Amino acid sequence: MSLENENPDLLKAVQPVNEMKAWLINYVGDKLNPDNDEVNVEMIIEVMAQEFPEFLMPLAEENFIRGYRQGLADAESLKHEDIPMNSVLGSVK
């Protein structure tokens, strides 16, 4: 994935602000042993995909379906000439 398409939040270190995050950070840290001892969201997703895909797949599928439906709705709204373009796309500068 190129940097222009990647979500920068994936690379932010996760802080152990509650018991579950602390456990998950420790678990992923033990699995991946990062050089800087920081665990980020991308690392957590990687480990979850390997070890618990039945958790991640429904989330990914739902996200895909919602995005697909939104794209279809957007395309449909572009067919109607009575809808101003800026109301569909937002203010374009």
N, C-alpha and C. Protein backbone atom coordinates (compact mmCIF):
# COMPACT_ATOMS: atom_id res chain seq x y z
N MET A 1 0.85 -1.17 0.00
CA MET A 1 0.00 0.00 0.00
C MET A 1 0.89 1.24 0.00
N SER A 2 0.56 2.21 -0.83
CA SER A 2 1.37 3.41 -0.88
C SER A 2 1.01 4.35 0.26
N LEU A 3 1.91 5.26 0.57
CA LEU A 3 1.68 6.19 1.66
C LEU A 3 0.47 7.07 1.42
N GLU A 4 0.16 7.39 0.16
CA GLU A 4 -0.99 8.25 -0.10
C GLU A 4 -2.31 7.53 0.16
N ASN A 5 -2.31 6.21 0.17
CA ASN A 5 -3.53 5.44 0.44
C ASN A 5 -3.57 4.88 1.85
N GLU A 6 -2.49 5.00 2.59
CA GLU A 6 -2.42 4.39 3.91
C GLU A 6 -2.91 5.35 4.99
N ASN A 7 -3.63 4.81 5.93
CA ASN A 7 -4.14 5.59 7.05
C ASN A 7 -3.01 5.79 8.06
N PRO A 8 -2.62 7.03 8.33
CA PRO A 8 -1.51 7.26 9.26
C PRO A 8 -1.81 6.79 10.68
N ASP A 9 -3.07 6.64 11.03
CA ASP A 9 -3.43 6.15 12.36
C ASP A 9 -2.97 4.71 12.58
N LEU A 10 -2.77 3.97 11.50
CA LEU A 10 -2.31 2.59 11.63
C LEU A 10 -0.92 2.51 12.25
N LEU A 11 -0.13 3.56 12.07
CA LEU A 11 1.26 3.54 12.52
C LEU A 11 1.49 4.21 13.87
N LYS A 12 0.42 4.73 14.47
CA LYS A 12 0.55 5.36 15.79
C LYS A 12 0.64 4.30 16.87
N ALA A 13 1.52 4.54 17.83
CA ALA A 13 1.67 3.60 18.95
C ALA A 13 0.39 3.60 19.77
N VAL A 14 -0.01 2.42 20.21
CA VAL A 14 -1.21 2.27 21.03
C VAL A 14 -0.78 2.35 22.49
N GLN A 15 -1.53 3.12 23.26
CA GLN A 15 -1.22 3.30 24.68
C GLN A 15 -2.09 2.36 25.52
N PRO A 16 -1.53 1.77 26.56
CA PRO A 16 -2.28 0.82 27.41
C PRO A 16 -3.15 1.55 28.44
N VAL A 17 -4.20 2.21 27.96
CA VAL A 17 -5.04 3.03 28.84
C VAL A 17 -6.11 2.24 29.59
N ASN A 18 -6.27 0.97 29.23
CA ASN A 18 -7.20 0.12 29.99
C ASN A 18 -6.67 -1.31 29.99
N GLU A 19 -7.31 -2.15 30.73
CA GLU A 19 -6.83 -3.52 30.93
C GLU A 19 -6.76 -4.31 29.62
N MET A 20 -7.78 -4.17 28.78
CA MET A 20 -7.80 -4.93 27.53
C MET A 20 -6.69 -4.46 26.59
N LYS A 21 -6.53 -3.14 26.47
CA LYS A 21 -5.46 -2.63 25.60
C LYS A 21 -4.09 -3.06 26.12
N ALA A 22 -3.90 -3.02 27.40
CA ALA A 22 -2.61 -3.43 27.97
C ALA A 22 -2.33 -4.90 27.63
N TRP A 23 -3.34 -5.74 27.78
CA TRP A 23 -3.18 -7.16 27.46
C TRP A 23 -2.86 -7.35 25.98
N LEU A 24 -3.63 -6.67 25.12
CA LEU A 24 -3.45 -6.82 23.68
C LEU A 24 -2.08 -6.29 23.23
N ILE A 25 -1.67 -5.17 23.76
CA ILE A 25 -0.35 -4.60 23.43
C ILE A 25 0.75 -5.58 23.84
N ASN A 26 0.65 -6.13 25.04
CA ASN A 26 1.65 -7.10 25.51
C ASN A 26 1.65 -8.35 24.64
N TYR A 27 0.47 -8.84 24.29
CA TYR A 27 0.36 -10.05 23.48
C TYR A 27 1.01 -9.83 22.11
N VAL A 28 0.64 -8.73 21.45
CA VAL A 28 1.18 -8.43 20.13
C VAL A 28 2.68 -8.15 20.22
N GLY A 29 3.09 -7.43 21.24
CA GLY A 29 4.51 -7.15 21.44
C GLY A 29 5.31 -8.43 21.60
N ASP A 30 4.78 -9.40 22.35
CA ASP A 30 5.46 -10.68 22.53
C ASP A 30 5.54 -11.45 21.21
N LYS A 31 4.48 -11.35 20.39
CA LYS A 31 4.45 -12.08 19.12
C LYS A 31 5.41 -11.48 18.08
N LEU A 32 5.39 -10.16 17.97
CA LEU A 32 6.15 -9.49 16.90
C LEU A 32 7.50 -8.94 17.34
N ASN A 33 7.66 -8.75 18.64
CA ASN A 33 8.92 -8.24 19.18
C ASN A 33 9.44 -7.03 18.39
N PRO A 34 8.69 -5.92 18.38
CA PRO A 34 9.12 -4.75 17.60
C PRO A 34 10.42 -4.16 18.13
N ASP A 35 11.20 -3.60 17.22
CA ASP A 35 12.52 -3.03 17.56
C ASP A 35 12.42 -1.92 18.61
N ASN A 36 11.43 -1.07 18.48
CA ASN A 36 11.32 0.07 19.39
C ASN A 36 10.38 -0.19 20.57
N ASP A 37 9.94 -1.43 20.74
CA ASP A 37 9.04 -1.84 21.82
C ASP A 37 7.69 -1.14 21.79
N GLU A 38 7.34 -0.54 20.67
CA GLU A 38 6.03 0.08 20.51
C GLU A 38 5.16 -0.79 19.61
N VAL A 39 3.90 -0.92 20.00
CA VAL A 39 2.93 -1.68 19.22
C VAL A 39 1.97 -0.67 18.61
N ASN A 40 1.71 -0.81 17.30
CA ASN A 40 0.76 0.09 16.64
C ASN A 40 -0.44 -0.71 16.15
N VAL A 41 -1.43 -0.01 15.64
CA VAL A 41 -2.68 -0.63 15.21
C VAL A 41 -2.42 -1.62 14.07
N GLU A 42 -1.53 -1.27 13.16
CA GLU A 42 -1.23 -2.16 12.05
C GLU A 42 -0.70 -3.51 12.55
N MET A 43 0.13 -3.48 13.57
CA MET A 43 0.66 -4.72 14.15
C MET A 43 -0.46 -5.55 14.79
N ILE A 44 -1.36 -4.86 15.47
CA ILE A 44 -2.48 -5.56 16.11
C ILE A 44 -3.35 -6.23 15.05
N ILE A 45 -3.62 -5.51 13.96
CA ILE A 45 -4.42 -6.08 12.88
C ILE A 45 -3.71 -7.30 12.27
N GLU A 46 -2.41 -7.20 12.09
CA GLU A 46 -1.64 -8.31 11.53
C GLU A 46 -1.77 -9.56 12.39
N VAL A 47 -1.59 -9.40 13.70
CA VAL A 47 -1.69 -10.55 14.60
C VAL A 47 -3.13 -11.08 14.66
N MET A 48 -4.10 -10.18 14.71
CA MET A 48 -5.51 -10.61 14.74
C MET A 48 -5.87 -11.37 13.47
N ALA A 49 -5.37 -10.91 12.32
CA ALA A 49 -5.65 -11.58 11.05
C ALA A 49 -5.06 -12.99 11.03
N GLN A 50 -3.89 -13.15 11.62
CA GLN A 50 -3.25 -14.46 11.65
C GLN A 50 -3.93 -15.40 12.66
N GLU A 51 -4.27 -14.87 13.82
CA GLU A 51 -4.71 -15.73 14.91
C GLU A 51 -6.22 -15.74 15.17
N PHE A 52 -6.93 -14.73 14.66
CA PHE A 52 -8.36 -14.64 14.94
C PHE A 52 -9.10 -14.06 13.73
N PRO A 53 -8.92 -14.69 12.55
CA PRO A 53 -9.54 -14.14 11.33
C PRO A 53 -11.06 -14.11 11.39
N GLU A 54 -11.66 -15.02 12.13
CA GLU A 54 -13.13 -15.04 12.23
C GLU A 54 -13.68 -13.82 12.97
N PHE A 55 -12.81 -13.08 13.63
CA PHE A 55 -13.20 -11.81 14.25
C PHE A 55 -13.08 -10.67 13.24
N LEU A 56 -11.95 -10.63 12.52
CA LEU A 56 -11.70 -9.52 11.60
C LEU A 56 -12.51 -9.59 10.30
N MET A 57 -12.74 -10.78 9.78
CA MET A 57 -13.41 -10.90 8.48
C MET A 57 -14.81 -10.27 8.47
N PRO A 58 -15.65 -10.51 9.46
CA PRO A 58 -16.97 -9.85 9.42
C PRO A 58 -16.86 -8.32 9.46
N LEU A 59 -15.89 -7.79 10.19
CA LEU A 59 -15.68 -6.34 10.21
C LEU A 59 -15.27 -5.83 8.83
N ALA A 60 -14.32 -6.52 8.21
CA ALA A 60 -13.86 -6.10 6.89
C ALA A 60 -14.97 -6.24 5.85
N GLU A 61 -15.73 -7.31 5.92
CA GLU A 61 -16.82 -7.51 4.97
C GLU A 61 -17.89 -6.44 5.13
N GLU A 62 -18.26 -6.13 6.35
CA GLU A 62 -19.27 -5.10 6.60
C GLU A 62 -18.78 -3.75 6.10
N ASN A 63 -17.53 -3.43 6.34
CA ASN A 63 -16.96 -2.17 5.88
C ASN A 63 -16.98 -2.10 4.35
N PHE A 64 -16.63 -3.20 3.69
CA PHE A 64 -16.64 -3.24 2.23
C PHE A 64 -18.06 -3.05 1.70
N ILE A 65 -19.01 -3.76 2.27
CA ILE A 65 -20.40 -3.68 1.79
C ILE A 65 -20.95 -2.27 1.98
N ARG A 66 -20.69 -1.67 3.13
CA ARG A 66 -21.16 -0.29 3.35
C ARG A 66 -20.54 0.68 2.36
N GLY A 67 -19.26 0.54 2.09
CA GLY A 67 -18.59 1.40 1.12
C GLY A 67 -19.13 1.20 -0.29
N TYR A 68 -19.39 -0.05 -0.64
CA TYR A 68 -19.95 -0.38 -1.95
C TYR A 68 -21.34 0.23 -2.10
N ARG A 69 -22.17 0.07 -1.08
CA ARG A 69 -23.52 0.66 -1.12
C ARG A 69 -23.46 2.17 -1.23
N GLN A 70 -22.54 2.79 -0.50
CA GLN A 70 -22.41 4.25 -0.57
C GLN A 70 -21.99 4.68 -1.96
N GLY A 71 -21.08 3.93 -2.56
CA GLY A 71 -20.65 4.24 -3.92
C GLY A 71 -21.79 4.13 -4.91
N LEU A 72 -22.62 3.10 -4.77
CA LEU A 72 -23.79 2.96 -5.64
C LEU A 72 -24.77 4.10 -5.44
N ALA A 73 -24.99 4.48 -4.19
CA ALA A 73 -25.90 5.59 -3.89
C ALA A 73 -25.36 6.89 -4.48
N ASP A 74 -24.06 7.10 -4.37
CA ASP A 74 -23.45 8.31 -4.94
C ASP A 74 -23.59 8.32 -6.46
N ALA A 75 -23.35 7.18 -7.09
CA ALA A 75 -23.47 7.09 -8.54
C ALA A 75 -24.90 7.35 -8.98
N GLU A 76 -25.85 6.81 -8.26
CA GLU A 76 -27.26 7.01 -8.58
C GLU A 76 -27.65 8.48 -8.45
N SER A 77 -27.15 9.13 -7.42
CA SER A 77 -27.51 10.54 -7.23
C SER A 77 -26.92 11.42 -8.33
N LEU A 78 -25.82 10.99 -8.95
CA LEU A 78 -25.23 11.76 -10.05
C LEU A 78 -26.07 11.67 -11.32
N LYS A 79 -26.91 10.66 -11.42
CA LYS A 79 -27.77 10.51 -12.59
C LYS A 79 -28.89 11.55 -12.62
N HIS A 80 -29.25 12.07 -11.47
CA HIS A 80 -30.35 13.02 -11.38
C HIS A 80 -29.83 14.43 -11.60
N GLU A 81 -30.22 15.03 -12.70
CA GLU A 81 -29.73 16.36 -13.05
C GLU A 81 -30.26 17.45 -12.14
N ASP A 82 -31.35 17.22 -11.45
CA ASP A 82 -31.94 18.25 -10.60
C ASP A 82 -31.20 18.41 -9.28
N ILE A 83 -30.25 17.55 -9.00
CA ILE A 83 -29.45 17.66 -7.78
C ILE A 83 -28.16 18.39 -8.13
N PRO A 84 -27.91 19.56 -7.51
CA PRO A 84 -26.67 20.29 -7.80
C PRO A 84 -25.44 19.45 -7.44
N MET A 85 -24.40 19.53 -8.26
CA MET A 85 -23.19 18.74 -8.06
C MET A 85 -22.57 18.96 -6.68
N ASN A 86 -22.54 20.20 -6.18
CA ASN A 86 -21.92 20.47 -4.89
C ASN A 86 -22.69 19.83 -3.73
N SER A 87 -23.98 19.59 -3.90
CA SER A 87 -24.71 18.95 -2.82
C SER A 87 -24.36 17.47 -2.72
N VAL A 88 -23.89 16.90 -3.82
CA VAL A 88 -23.50 15.50 -3.83
C VAL A 88 -22.05 15.36 -3.40
N LEU A 89 -21.18 16.17 -3.97
CA LEU A 89 -19.74 16.04 -3.71
C LEU A 89 -19.23 16.91 -2.59
N GLY A 90 -20.03 17.81 -2.12
CA GLY A 90 -19.55 18.76 -1.12
C GLY A 90 -18.87 19.91 -1.84
N SER A 91 -18.42 20.84 -1.13
CA SER A 91 -17.78 22.01 -1.70
C SER A 91 -16.42 21.64 -2.24
N VAL A 92 -16.22 21.82 -3.53
CA VAL A 92 -14.95 21.49 -4.16
C VAL A 92 -14.18 22.78 -4.35
N LYS A 93 -12.94 22.80 -3.85
CA LYS A 93 -12.12 24.01 -3.96
C LYS A 93 -11.01 23.79 -4.94
